[in-house]
Amino acid sequence: MLKKNLLSIAVVTAAMSLAACNDKEAATDPVEADTTTEEVVAEPAVGTAPEAEAEPMADPMAETDGMATQTIAEVAAGNENLTILTAALKAAGLDTMLMEDTKYTVFAPTDDAFAPVLEKLGVTKEELLANTELLKKVLPYHVVPMEVKAADIPYGTDIETANGATISISDANVITDATGGTANITGTDIMATNGVVHTIDAVLMPE
């Protein structure tokens, strides 16, 4: 009987020792942590439009072709330095010609350009405007029946005007008329729907 009890005690003791060993291994065996992380992509909020790329701003200084909205007659009338020319064209009945669809180039004398003419003729502005015969002879001499921008001026050649007489222009932008008088081109490429205006500092004389 004693032998049987000792055997039972030995079996129980062995089982307890084995269980203790297993618990120790479980406590000391670290579990490898999962270090893998997933990239989180933020979903756009409902109703929020995606950010648009910024469009380049227009250059305010950029040239715009084909924007003319006025005829040559209207351009001249709207220029504060061409009041005498405007009045002279109207007095001579030539303003209607410069409202046509036909392309013209006008070498337009400024108001200051008329001062030497008034002095030479010994007349006032009003008297000059009343001399329609002279105006009809002189004014068409400032008109070329085609559009000639500054870049297209044929320097050194004779250019026929609307009254049949010719002018010549040097590469220094100096116009020589039939009498040998000269005028400087002071402004270029004032565009109109029916051509172009260049301002000059003297009145051209056909003879």
N, C-alpha and C. Protein backbone atom coordinates (compact mmCIF):
# COMPACT_ATOMS: atom_id res chain seq x y z
N MET A 1 0.82 -1.20 0.00
CA MET A 1 0.00 0.00 0.00
C MET A 1 0.85 1.25 0.00
N LEU A 2 1.86 1.24 0.81
CA LEU A 2 2.79 2.37 0.90
C LEU A 2 3.49 2.57 -0.43
N LYS A 3 3.83 1.47 -1.07
CA LYS A 3 4.51 1.55 -2.37
C LYS A 3 3.61 2.17 -3.42
N LYS A 4 2.34 1.82 -3.35
CA LYS A 4 1.36 2.36 -4.32
C LYS A 4 1.18 3.84 -4.11
N ASN A 5 1.18 4.31 -2.85
CA ASN A 5 1.01 5.74 -2.57
C ASN A 5 2.21 6.53 -3.03
N LEU A 6 3.39 5.98 -2.84
CA LEU A 6 4.61 6.68 -3.27
C LEU A 6 4.62 6.83 -4.77
N LEU A 7 4.13 5.82 -5.48
CA LEU A 7 4.10 5.89 -6.95
C LEU A 7 3.14 6.99 -7.41
N SER A 8 2.02 7.13 -6.74
CA SER A 8 1.05 8.15 -7.12
C SER A 8 1.61 9.54 -6.89
N ILE A 9 2.33 9.69 -5.77
CA ILE A 9 2.92 10.98 -5.45
C ILE A 9 3.95 11.35 -6.49
N ALA A 10 4.73 10.38 -6.97
CA ALA A 10 5.76 10.64 -7.98
C ALA A 10 5.14 11.07 -9.30
N VAL A 11 4.02 10.42 -9.66
CA VAL A 11 3.36 10.77 -10.93
C VAL A 11 2.82 12.19 -10.87
N VAL A 12 2.20 12.55 -9.77
CA VAL A 12 1.63 13.90 -9.63
C VAL A 12 2.72 14.94 -9.63
N THR A 13 3.86 14.61 -8.94
CA THR A 13 4.97 15.56 -8.89
C THR A 13 5.54 15.81 -10.28
N ALA A 14 5.67 14.76 -11.07
CA ALA A 14 6.22 14.88 -12.42
C ALA A 14 5.30 15.71 -13.31
N ALA A 15 4.00 15.49 -13.14
CA ALA A 15 3.04 16.25 -13.96
C ALA A 15 3.08 17.73 -13.64
N MET A 16 3.22 18.05 -12.34
CA MET A 16 3.28 19.43 -11.93
C MET A 16 4.55 20.11 -12.44
N SER A 17 5.65 19.38 -12.44
CA SER A 17 6.92 19.94 -12.93
C SER A 17 6.84 20.23 -14.42
N LEU A 18 6.21 19.32 -15.16
CA LEU A 18 6.07 19.51 -16.60
C LEU A 18 5.19 20.72 -16.91
N ALA A 19 4.13 20.90 -16.16
CA ALA A 19 3.23 22.04 -16.37
C ALA A 19 3.94 23.34 -16.06
N ALA A 20 4.78 23.33 -15.02
CA ALA A 20 5.51 24.54 -14.66
C ALA A 20 6.48 24.93 -15.74
N CYS A 21 7.13 23.96 -16.35
CA CYS A 21 8.07 24.24 -17.44
C CYS A 21 7.36 24.86 -18.63
N ASN A 22 6.19 24.33 -18.96
CA ASN A 22 5.43 24.85 -20.11
C ASN A 22 5.00 26.28 -19.86
N ASP A 23 4.60 26.58 -18.59
CA ASP A 23 4.19 27.97 -18.28
C ASP A 23 5.35 28.91 -18.38
N LYS A 24 6.55 28.49 -18.02
CA LYS A 24 7.73 29.33 -18.07
C LYS A 24 8.11 29.66 -19.50
N GLU A 25 8.02 28.62 -20.38
CA GLU A 25 8.35 28.86 -21.79
C GLU A 25 7.37 29.85 -22.42
N ALA A 26 6.10 29.70 -22.03
CA ALA A 26 5.09 30.60 -22.60
C ALA A 26 5.32 32.03 -22.16
N ALA A 27 5.81 32.21 -20.94
CA ALA A 27 6.03 33.56 -20.42
C ALA A 27 7.26 34.21 -21.00
N THR A 28 8.28 33.37 -21.32
CA THR A 28 9.55 33.95 -21.78
C THR A 28 9.68 34.01 -23.29
N ASP A 29 8.77 33.39 -24.03
CA ASP A 29 8.85 33.38 -25.48
C ASP A 29 8.11 34.59 -26.03
N PRO A 30 8.83 35.66 -26.44
CA PRO A 30 8.11 36.88 -26.89
C PRO A 30 7.41 36.64 -28.21
N VAL A 31 6.29 37.27 -28.35
CA VAL A 31 5.53 37.18 -29.59
C VAL A 31 5.98 38.32 -30.50
N GLU A 32 6.43 37.98 -31.71
CA GLU A 32 6.91 38.99 -32.66
C GLU A 32 5.76 39.90 -33.08
N ALA A 33 5.97 41.20 -32.85
CA ALA A 33 4.91 42.18 -33.17
C ALA A 33 4.85 42.41 -34.68
N ASP A 34 3.68 42.58 -35.17
CA ASP A 34 3.48 42.89 -36.59
C ASP A 34 3.72 44.37 -36.82
N THR A 35 4.87 44.67 -37.44
CA THR A 35 5.26 46.08 -37.65
C THR A 35 4.82 46.62 -38.99
N THR A 36 4.14 45.80 -39.76
CA THR A 36 3.69 46.26 -41.08
C THR A 36 2.57 47.28 -40.91
N THR A 37 2.77 48.45 -41.55
CA THR A 37 1.74 49.51 -41.50
C THR A 37 1.17 49.73 -42.88
N GLU A 38 -0.09 49.97 -42.93
CA GLU A 38 -0.77 50.23 -44.20
C GLU A 38 -0.86 51.72 -44.44
N GLU A 39 -0.57 52.12 -45.70
CA GLU A 39 -0.67 53.53 -46.06
C GLU A 39 -2.14 53.92 -46.14
N VAL A 40 -2.45 54.96 -45.41
CA VAL A 40 -3.85 55.42 -45.37
C VAL A 40 -4.03 56.52 -46.39
N VAL A 41 -4.90 56.33 -47.34
CA VAL A 41 -5.20 57.33 -48.38
C VAL A 41 -6.48 58.04 -48.00
N ALA A 42 -6.33 59.36 -47.83
CA ALA A 42 -7.51 60.15 -47.43
C ALA A 42 -8.49 60.24 -48.58
N GLU A 43 -9.72 59.90 -48.31
CA GLU A 43 -10.76 60.02 -49.32
C GLU A 43 -11.26 61.46 -49.35
N PRO A 44 -11.47 62.01 -50.54
CA PRO A 44 -12.00 63.38 -50.59
C PRO A 44 -13.37 63.47 -49.95
N ALA A 45 -13.59 64.55 -49.28
CA ALA A 45 -14.88 64.73 -48.62
C ALA A 45 -15.98 64.77 -49.66
N VAL A 46 -17.13 64.25 -49.26
CA VAL A 46 -18.27 64.22 -50.17
C VAL A 46 -18.66 65.65 -50.53
N GLY A 47 -18.82 65.90 -51.85
CA GLY A 47 -19.23 67.21 -52.29
C GLY A 47 -18.09 68.18 -52.49
N THR A 48 -16.84 67.74 -52.28
CA THR A 48 -15.68 68.62 -52.45
C THR A 48 -15.05 68.36 -53.80
N ALA A 49 -14.95 69.37 -54.65
CA ALA A 49 -14.38 69.21 -55.99
C ALA A 49 -12.88 69.12 -55.88
N PRO A 50 -12.22 68.34 -56.75
CA PRO A 50 -10.75 68.26 -56.73
C PRO A 50 -10.15 69.61 -57.07
N GLU A 51 -8.99 69.89 -56.48
CA GLU A 51 -8.33 71.17 -56.69
C GLU A 51 -7.89 71.31 -58.14
N ALA A 52 -8.29 72.38 -58.79
CA ALA A 52 -7.96 72.58 -60.21
C ALA A 52 -6.62 73.28 -60.33
N GLU A 53 -5.90 72.98 -61.43
CA GLU A 53 -4.63 73.64 -61.68
C GLU A 53 -4.87 75.10 -62.07
N ALA A 54 -4.03 76.00 -61.57
CA ALA A 54 -4.19 77.42 -61.86
C ALA A 54 -3.89 77.69 -63.32
N GLU A 55 -4.77 78.45 -63.98
CA GLU A 55 -4.56 78.80 -65.38
C GLU A 55 -3.65 80.02 -65.47
N PRO A 56 -2.78 80.09 -66.50
CA PRO A 56 -1.89 81.25 -66.63
C PRO A 56 -2.68 82.52 -66.86
N MET A 57 -2.24 83.60 -66.24
CA MET A 57 -2.91 84.89 -66.41
C MET A 57 -2.57 85.48 -67.77
N ALA A 58 -3.54 86.16 -68.35
CA ALA A 58 -3.31 86.80 -69.65
C ALA A 58 -2.36 87.97 -69.48
N ASP A 59 -1.49 88.09 -70.45
CA ASP A 59 -0.55 89.20 -70.43
C ASP A 59 -1.29 90.46 -70.86
N PRO A 60 -1.44 91.46 -69.94
CA PRO A 60 -2.20 92.65 -70.32
C PRO A 60 -1.54 93.47 -71.40
N MET A 61 -0.19 93.08 -71.55
CA MET A 61 0.53 93.85 -72.54
C MET A 61 0.61 93.16 -73.90
N ALA A 62 0.01 92.10 -73.99
CA ALA A 62 0.07 91.39 -75.24
C ALA A 62 -0.68 92.13 -76.30
N GLU A 63 -0.17 92.07 -77.57
CA GLU A 63 -0.81 92.74 -78.69
C GLU A 63 -2.04 91.95 -79.11
N THR A 64 -3.11 92.74 -79.49
CA THR A 64 -4.32 92.09 -79.95
C THR A 64 -4.67 92.60 -81.34
N ASP A 65 -4.61 91.70 -82.31
CA ASP A 65 -4.91 92.06 -83.69
C ASP A 65 -6.41 91.99 -83.93
N GLY A 66 -6.86 92.82 -84.88
CA GLY A 66 -8.25 92.76 -85.28
C GLY A 66 -9.22 93.35 -84.28
N MET A 67 -8.75 94.23 -83.36
CA MET A 67 -9.63 94.79 -82.35
C MET A 67 -10.17 96.17 -82.72
N ALA A 68 -9.79 96.72 -83.87
CA ALA A 68 -10.27 98.05 -84.26
C ALA A 68 -11.78 98.01 -84.47
N THR A 69 -12.45 99.02 -83.97
CA THR A 69 -13.91 99.10 -84.09
C THR A 69 -14.38 100.38 -84.75
N GLN A 70 -13.45 101.29 -85.09
CA GLN A 70 -13.81 102.57 -85.68
C GLN A 70 -13.16 102.76 -87.05
N THR A 71 -13.82 103.52 -87.89
CA THR A 71 -13.26 103.86 -89.19
C THR A 71 -12.15 104.90 -89.00
N ILE A 72 -11.41 105.16 -90.08
CA ILE A 72 -10.35 106.18 -90.01
C ILE A 72 -10.94 107.54 -89.63
N ALA A 73 -12.07 107.88 -90.22
CA ALA A 73 -12.70 109.17 -89.90
C ALA A 73 -13.05 109.25 -88.43
N GLU A 74 -13.55 108.16 -87.87
CA GLU A 74 -13.92 108.14 -86.46
C GLU A 74 -12.69 108.16 -85.55
N VAL A 75 -11.63 107.46 -85.97
CA VAL A 75 -10.39 107.48 -85.20
C VAL A 75 -9.83 108.90 -85.13
N ALA A 76 -9.82 109.58 -86.27
CA ALA A 76 -9.32 110.96 -86.30
C ALA A 76 -10.17 111.87 -85.44
N ALA A 77 -11.48 111.70 -85.51
CA ALA A 77 -12.39 112.55 -84.74
C ALA A 77 -12.21 112.34 -83.24
N GLY A 78 -11.77 111.16 -82.85
CA GLY A 78 -11.59 110.86 -81.44
C GLY A 78 -10.21 111.20 -80.91
N ASN A 79 -9.34 111.72 -81.77
CA ASN A 79 -7.97 112.06 -81.37
C ASN A 79 -7.88 113.57 -81.11
N GLU A 80 -7.53 113.94 -79.89
CA GLU A 80 -7.51 115.36 -79.52
C GLU A 80 -6.42 116.16 -80.22
N ASN A 81 -5.48 115.48 -80.86
CA ASN A 81 -4.42 116.17 -81.60
C ASN A 81 -4.71 116.30 -83.09
N LEU A 82 -5.88 115.83 -83.51
CA LEU A 82 -6.23 115.87 -84.93
C LEU A 82 -7.53 116.64 -85.17
N THR A 83 -7.78 117.64 -84.38
CA THR A 83 -9.06 118.37 -84.49
C THR A 83 -9.16 119.20 -85.77
N ILE A 84 -8.06 119.81 -86.18
CA ILE A 84 -8.09 120.63 -87.41
C ILE A 84 -8.24 119.73 -88.62
N LEU A 85 -7.51 118.62 -88.65
CA LEU A 85 -7.63 117.68 -89.76
C LEU A 85 -9.06 117.15 -89.85
N THR A 86 -9.65 116.81 -88.72
CA THR A 86 -11.02 116.30 -88.71
C THR A 86 -11.99 117.34 -89.27
N ALA A 87 -11.82 118.57 -88.84
CA ALA A 87 -12.70 119.64 -89.32
C ALA A 87 -12.49 119.90 -90.81
N ALA A 88 -11.22 119.80 -91.26
CA ALA A 88 -10.91 120.03 -92.68
C ALA A 88 -11.50 118.92 -93.55
N LEU A 89 -11.40 117.68 -93.10
CA LEU A 89 -11.98 116.57 -93.87
C LEU A 89 -13.49 116.73 -94.00
N LYS A 90 -14.12 117.14 -92.93
CA LYS A 90 -15.57 117.33 -92.97
C LYS A 90 -15.95 118.50 -93.87
N ALA A 91 -15.17 119.59 -93.79
CA ALA A 91 -15.47 120.77 -94.62
C ALA A 91 -15.34 120.47 -96.10
N ALA A 92 -14.37 119.59 -96.43
CA ALA A 92 -14.13 119.25 -97.84
C ALA A 92 -15.00 118.08 -98.30
N GLY A 93 -15.77 117.50 -97.39
CA GLY A 93 -16.62 116.36 -97.74
C GLY A 93 -15.84 115.07 -97.94
N LEU A 94 -14.62 115.02 -97.40
CA LEU A 94 -13.77 113.84 -97.57
C LEU A 94 -13.88 112.86 -96.40
N ASP A 95 -14.60 113.25 -95.36
CA ASP A 95 -14.73 112.36 -94.22
C ASP A 95 -15.53 111.10 -94.58
N THR A 96 -16.48 111.24 -95.52
CA THR A 96 -17.27 110.08 -95.93
C THR A 96 -16.40 109.05 -96.65
N MET A 97 -15.40 109.53 -97.40
CA MET A 97 -14.49 108.61 -98.09
C MET A 97 -13.76 107.73 -97.08
N LEU A 98 -13.40 108.31 -95.94
CA LEU A 98 -12.64 107.57 -94.93
C LEU A 98 -13.53 106.77 -93.99
N MET A 99 -14.82 106.68 -94.36
CA MET A 99 -15.75 105.80 -93.64
C MET A 99 -16.07 104.56 -94.46
N GLU A 100 -15.58 104.53 -95.70
CA GLU A 100 -15.86 103.40 -96.58
C GLU A 100 -15.09 102.16 -96.15
N ASP A 101 -15.48 101.02 -96.72
CA ASP A 101 -14.80 99.77 -96.42
C ASP A 101 -13.44 99.65 -97.11
N THR A 102 -13.22 100.48 -98.13
CA THR A 102 -11.95 100.46 -98.84
C THR A 102 -10.81 100.77 -97.87
N LYS A 103 -9.69 100.05 -98.04
CA LYS A 103 -8.54 100.25 -97.15
C LYS A 103 -7.74 101.49 -97.55
N TYR A 104 -7.41 102.30 -96.54
CA TYR A 104 -6.62 103.51 -96.76
C TYR A 104 -5.51 103.61 -95.71
N THR A 105 -4.48 104.39 -96.07
CA THR A 105 -3.47 104.81 -95.11
C THR A 105 -3.48 106.33 -95.10
N VAL A 106 -3.59 106.92 -93.93
CA VAL A 106 -3.63 108.37 -93.82
C VAL A 106 -2.40 108.85 -93.04
N PHE A 107 -1.65 109.76 -93.65
CA PHE A 107 -0.57 110.45 -92.95
C PHE A 107 -1.19 111.74 -92.41
N ALA A 108 -1.52 111.71 -91.13
CA ALA A 108 -2.37 112.74 -90.54
C ALA A 108 -1.56 113.85 -89.86
N PRO A 109 -1.63 115.08 -90.39
CA PRO A 109 -0.96 116.20 -89.73
C PRO A 109 -1.63 116.53 -88.39
N THR A 110 -0.84 116.69 -87.36
CA THR A 110 -1.40 117.08 -86.06
C THR A 110 -1.81 118.55 -86.09
N ASP A 111 -2.48 118.98 -85.05
CA ASP A 111 -2.90 120.38 -84.96
C ASP A 111 -1.69 121.32 -85.04
N ASP A 112 -0.59 120.96 -84.37
CA ASP A 112 0.61 121.80 -84.41
C ASP A 112 1.20 121.90 -85.82
N ALA A 113 0.97 120.85 -86.63
CA ALA A 113 1.52 120.84 -87.98
C ALA A 113 0.86 121.90 -88.87
N PHE A 114 -0.35 122.31 -88.53
CA PHE A 114 -1.05 123.29 -89.35
C PHE A 114 -0.60 124.73 -89.08
N ALA A 115 0.06 124.98 -87.96
CA ALA A 115 0.45 126.35 -87.60
C ALA A 115 1.33 127.00 -88.66
N PRO A 116 2.38 126.34 -89.17
CA PRO A 116 3.21 126.98 -90.20
C PRO A 116 2.43 127.26 -91.49
N VAL A 117 1.46 126.41 -91.82
CA VAL A 117 0.66 126.61 -93.03
C VAL A 117 -0.20 127.86 -92.89
N LEU A 118 -0.83 128.00 -91.72
CA LEU A 118 -1.66 129.18 -91.48
C LEU A 118 -0.83 130.45 -91.56
N GLU A 119 0.37 130.38 -91.01
CA GLU A 119 1.27 131.55 -91.04
C GLU A 119 1.72 131.87 -92.46
N LYS A 120 2.07 130.80 -93.21
CA LYS A 120 2.54 131.00 -94.58
C LYS A 120 1.45 131.58 -95.47
N LEU A 121 0.23 131.07 -95.30
CA LEU A 121 -0.89 131.55 -96.12
C LEU A 121 -1.48 132.86 -95.59
N GLY A 122 -1.14 133.20 -94.39
CA GLY A 122 -1.67 134.43 -93.80
C GLY A 122 -3.15 134.35 -93.53
N VAL A 123 -3.62 133.18 -93.11
CA VAL A 123 -5.05 133.00 -92.86
C VAL A 123 -5.25 132.42 -91.46
N THR A 124 -6.50 132.51 -91.01
CA THR A 124 -6.86 131.88 -89.74
C THR A 124 -7.31 130.44 -90.00
N LYS A 125 -7.50 129.72 -88.92
CA LYS A 125 -8.00 128.34 -89.08
C LYS A 125 -9.37 128.34 -89.75
N GLU A 126 -10.21 129.24 -89.35
CA GLU A 126 -11.56 129.31 -89.92
C GLU A 126 -11.52 129.65 -91.42
N GLU A 127 -10.61 130.52 -91.80
CA GLU A 127 -10.48 130.87 -93.22
C GLU A 127 -9.94 129.69 -94.02
N LEU A 128 -9.03 128.95 -93.42
CA LEU A 128 -8.51 127.76 -94.10
C LEU A 128 -9.61 126.74 -94.32
N LEU A 129 -10.42 126.52 -93.29
CA LEU A 129 -11.50 125.54 -93.40
C LEU A 129 -12.57 125.99 -94.40
N ALA A 130 -12.66 127.26 -94.64
CA ALA A 130 -13.63 127.76 -95.62
C ALA A 130 -13.13 127.63 -97.05
N ASN A 131 -11.83 127.41 -97.24
CA ASN A 131 -11.24 127.28 -98.57
C ASN A 131 -11.30 125.81 -98.99
N THR A 132 -12.48 125.36 -99.35
CA THR A 132 -12.68 123.94 -99.66
C THR A 132 -11.92 123.51 -100.92
N GLU A 133 -11.72 124.44 -101.85
CA GLU A 133 -10.98 124.11 -103.07
C GLU A 133 -9.54 123.71 -102.72
N LEU A 134 -8.91 124.45 -101.83
CA LEU A 134 -7.55 124.12 -101.41
C LEU A 134 -7.52 122.81 -100.62
N LEU A 135 -8.52 122.64 -99.74
CA LEU A 135 -8.57 121.43 -98.92
C LEU A 135 -8.72 120.17 -99.78
N LYS A 136 -9.56 120.24 -100.82
CA LYS A 136 -9.77 119.09 -101.68
C LYS A 136 -8.53 118.75 -102.49
N LYS A 137 -7.64 119.71 -102.62
CA LYS A 137 -6.40 119.49 -103.35
C LYS A 137 -5.31 118.93 -102.42
N VAL A 138 -5.27 119.46 -101.21
CA VAL A 138 -4.19 119.10 -100.28
C VAL A 138 -4.47 117.83 -99.48
N LEU A 139 -5.68 117.69 -98.97
CA LEU A 139 -5.97 116.57 -98.07
C LEU A 139 -5.81 115.19 -98.72
N PRO A 140 -6.28 114.96 -99.96
CA PRO A 140 -6.07 113.64 -100.56
C PRO A 140 -4.59 113.28 -100.75
N TYR A 141 -3.74 114.31 -100.73
CA TYR A 141 -2.30 114.07 -100.87
C TYR A 141 -1.73 113.37 -99.62
N HIS A 142 -2.52 113.33 -98.57
CA HIS A 142 -2.11 112.66 -97.33
C HIS A 142 -2.69 111.25 -97.22
N VAL A 143 -3.38 110.83 -98.29
CA VAL A 143 -4.06 109.54 -98.25
C VAL A 143 -3.48 108.61 -99.31
N VAL A 144 -3.15 107.39 -98.89
CA VAL A 144 -2.69 106.35 -99.82
C VAL A 144 -3.80 105.31 -99.92
N PRO A 145 -4.25 104.97 -101.14
CA PRO A 145 -5.40 104.07 -101.29
C PRO A 145 -5.07 102.59 -101.06
N MET A 146 -4.44 102.30 -99.97
CA MET A 146 -4.17 100.93 -99.53
C MET A 146 -3.70 100.99 -98.08
N GLU A 147 -3.76 99.87 -97.39
CA GLU A 147 -3.29 99.84 -96.00
C GLU A 147 -1.78 99.56 -95.98
N VAL A 148 -1.03 100.48 -95.38
CA VAL A 148 0.42 100.32 -95.28
C VAL A 148 0.83 100.54 -93.82
N LYS A 149 1.07 99.46 -93.12
CA LYS A 149 1.55 99.58 -91.74
C LYS A 149 3.01 100.02 -91.74
N ALA A 150 3.48 100.46 -90.59
CA ALA A 150 4.85 100.98 -90.48
C ALA A 150 5.88 99.97 -90.96
N ALA A 151 5.67 98.70 -90.63
CA ALA A 151 6.64 97.68 -91.01
C ALA A 151 6.66 97.41 -92.51
N ASP A 152 5.61 97.88 -93.21
CA ASP A 152 5.49 97.61 -94.65
C ASP A 152 5.77 98.83 -95.53
N ILE A 153 6.19 99.93 -94.93
CA ILE A 153 6.46 101.14 -95.71
C ILE A 153 7.61 100.90 -96.69
N PRO A 154 7.39 101.13 -97.98
CA PRO A 154 8.46 100.91 -98.97
C PRO A 154 9.42 102.09 -99.03
N TYR A 155 10.40 102.07 -98.17
CA TYR A 155 11.33 103.20 -98.07
C TYR A 155 12.07 103.42 -99.39
N GLY A 156 12.25 104.71 -99.71
CA GLY A 156 13.05 105.07 -100.87
C GLY A 156 12.35 104.96 -102.20
N THR A 157 11.08 104.63 -102.20
CA THR A 157 10.34 104.55 -103.47
C THR A 157 9.20 105.56 -103.47
N ASP A 158 8.75 105.92 -104.65
CA ASP A 158 7.63 106.86 -104.76
C ASP A 158 6.32 106.13 -104.43
N ILE A 159 5.52 106.77 -103.61
CA ILE A 159 4.23 106.20 -103.21
C ILE A 159 3.13 107.11 -103.75
N GLU A 160 2.25 106.54 -104.55
CA GLU A 160 1.17 107.34 -105.15
C GLU A 160 0.06 107.57 -104.13
N THR A 161 -0.40 108.79 -104.06
CA THR A 161 -1.46 109.15 -103.11
C THR A 161 -2.81 109.22 -103.83
N ALA A 162 -3.84 109.54 -103.06
CA ALA A 162 -5.20 109.55 -103.60
C ALA A 162 -5.46 110.66 -104.61
N ASN A 163 -4.59 111.69 -104.66
CA ASN A 163 -4.80 112.75 -105.66
C ASN A 163 -3.91 112.58 -106.89
N GLY A 164 -3.19 111.42 -106.93
CA GLY A 164 -2.37 111.10 -108.10
C GLY A 164 -0.92 111.50 -107.98
N ALA A 165 -0.59 112.43 -107.10
CA ALA A 165 0.80 112.84 -106.91
C ALA A 165 1.49 111.84 -105.96
N THR A 166 2.80 111.90 -105.91
CA THR A 166 3.55 110.93 -105.12
C THR A 166 4.31 111.59 -103.96
N ILE A 167 4.62 110.76 -102.98
CA ILE A 167 5.49 111.13 -101.87
C ILE A 167 6.56 110.06 -101.77
N SER A 168 7.64 110.34 -101.07
CA SER A 168 8.66 109.33 -100.80
C SER A 168 8.99 109.37 -99.31
N ILE A 169 9.36 108.22 -98.78
CA ILE A 169 9.64 108.11 -97.35
C ILE A 169 11.01 107.48 -97.16
N SER A 170 11.85 108.13 -96.38
CA SER A 170 13.19 107.59 -96.10
C SER A 170 13.12 106.61 -94.94
N ASP A 171 14.21 105.85 -94.77
CA ASP A 171 14.23 104.87 -93.69
C ASP A 171 14.32 105.53 -92.31
N ALA A 172 14.47 106.84 -92.29
CA ALA A 172 14.44 107.60 -91.03
C ALA A 172 13.03 108.10 -90.73
N ASN A 173 12.04 107.58 -91.48
CA ASN A 173 10.64 107.96 -91.32
C ASN A 173 10.40 109.45 -91.60
N VAL A 174 11.06 109.94 -92.64
CA VAL A 174 10.88 111.31 -93.08
C VAL A 174 10.21 111.29 -94.45
N ILE A 175 9.08 111.98 -94.57
CA ILE A 175 8.35 112.05 -95.83
C ILE A 175 8.78 113.30 -96.60
N THR A 176 9.02 113.13 -97.87
CA THR A 176 9.33 114.27 -98.74
C THR A 176 8.19 114.45 -99.73
N ASP A 177 7.66 115.68 -99.81
CA ASP A 177 6.55 115.91 -100.72
C ASP A 177 7.04 116.45 -102.07
N ALA A 178 6.09 116.81 -102.94
CA ALA A 178 6.42 117.24 -104.31
C ALA A 178 7.17 118.56 -104.34
N THR A 179 7.06 119.37 -103.30
CA THR A 179 7.74 120.66 -103.27
C THR A 179 9.12 120.58 -102.61
N GLY A 180 9.47 119.39 -102.13
CA GLY A 180 10.74 119.24 -101.42
C GLY A 180 10.60 119.43 -99.92
N GLY A 181 9.40 119.76 -99.47
CA GLY A 181 9.15 119.89 -98.04
C GLY A 181 9.17 118.53 -97.36
N THR A 182 9.43 118.53 -96.08
CA THR A 182 9.53 117.26 -95.34
C THR A 182 8.61 117.26 -94.12
N ALA A 183 8.26 116.04 -93.72
CA ALA A 183 7.46 115.85 -92.50
C ALA A 183 7.95 114.58 -91.82
N ASN A 184 8.07 114.64 -90.52
CA ASN A 184 8.48 113.47 -89.75
C ASN A 184 7.25 112.66 -89.33
N ILE A 185 7.37 111.35 -89.43
CA ILE A 185 6.31 110.48 -88.92
C ILE A 185 6.49 110.38 -87.40
N THR A 186 5.52 110.87 -86.67
CA THR A 186 5.64 110.93 -85.21
C THR A 186 4.86 109.84 -84.47
N GLY A 187 3.94 109.22 -85.16
CA GLY A 187 3.15 108.13 -84.55
C GLY A 187 2.74 107.15 -85.63
N THR A 188 2.75 105.87 -85.31
CA THR A 188 2.46 104.86 -86.34
C THR A 188 1.40 103.87 -85.88
N ASP A 189 0.80 103.24 -86.89
CA ASP A 189 -0.10 102.09 -86.70
C ASP A 189 -1.24 102.36 -85.73
N ILE A 190 -1.93 103.48 -85.96
CA ILE A 190 -3.21 103.70 -85.26
C ILE A 190 -4.26 103.00 -86.12
N MET A 191 -4.68 101.82 -85.68
CA MET A 191 -5.47 100.96 -86.54
C MET A 191 -6.95 101.35 -86.55
N ALA A 192 -7.55 101.17 -87.73
CA ALA A 192 -8.98 101.41 -87.92
C ALA A 192 -9.57 100.22 -88.68
N THR A 193 -10.88 100.17 -88.76
CA THR A 193 -11.51 99.05 -89.47
C THR A 193 -11.22 99.08 -90.96
N ASN A 194 -10.94 100.27 -91.49
CA ASN A 194 -10.70 100.39 -92.93
C ASN A 194 -9.29 100.92 -93.25
N GLY A 195 -8.34 100.62 -92.37
CA GLY A 195 -6.96 101.01 -92.68
C GLY A 195 -6.16 101.41 -91.46
N VAL A 196 -5.25 102.35 -91.68
CA VAL A 196 -4.31 102.71 -90.62
C VAL A 196 -3.97 104.20 -90.72
N VAL A 197 -3.67 104.80 -89.55
CA VAL A 197 -3.30 106.21 -89.49
C VAL A 197 -1.89 106.34 -88.93
N HIS A 198 -1.07 107.17 -89.58
CA HIS A 198 0.24 107.55 -89.05
C HIS A 198 0.24 109.06 -88.88
N THR A 199 0.61 109.57 -87.73
CA THR A 199 0.63 111.02 -87.53
C THR A 199 1.95 111.62 -88.01
N ILE A 200 1.89 112.86 -88.50
CA ILE A 200 3.08 113.56 -89.00
C ILE A 200 3.10 114.98 -88.45
N ASP A 201 4.28 115.61 -88.50
CA ASP A 201 4.43 116.94 -87.86
C ASP A 201 4.44 118.10 -88.85
N ALA A 202 4.02 117.86 -90.09
CA ALA A 202 3.94 118.94 -91.08
C ALA A 202 2.87 118.59 -92.12
N VAL A 203 2.35 119.61 -92.76
CA VAL A 203 1.36 119.40 -93.82
C VAL A 203 2.10 119.20 -95.13
N LEU A 204 1.72 118.16 -95.88
CA LEU A 204 2.36 117.86 -97.17
C LEU A 204 1.71 118.69 -98.28
N MET A 205 2.51 119.19 -99.19
CA MET A 205 2.01 120.00 -100.31
C MET A 205 2.27 119.29 -101.64
N PRO A 206 1.22 119.10 -102.45
CA PRO A 206 1.38 118.40 -103.72
C PRO A 206 2.15 119.21 -104.76
N GLU A 207 2.17 120.56 -104.62
CA GLU A 207 2.92 121.41 -105.56
C GLU A 207 3.05 122.81 -104.99
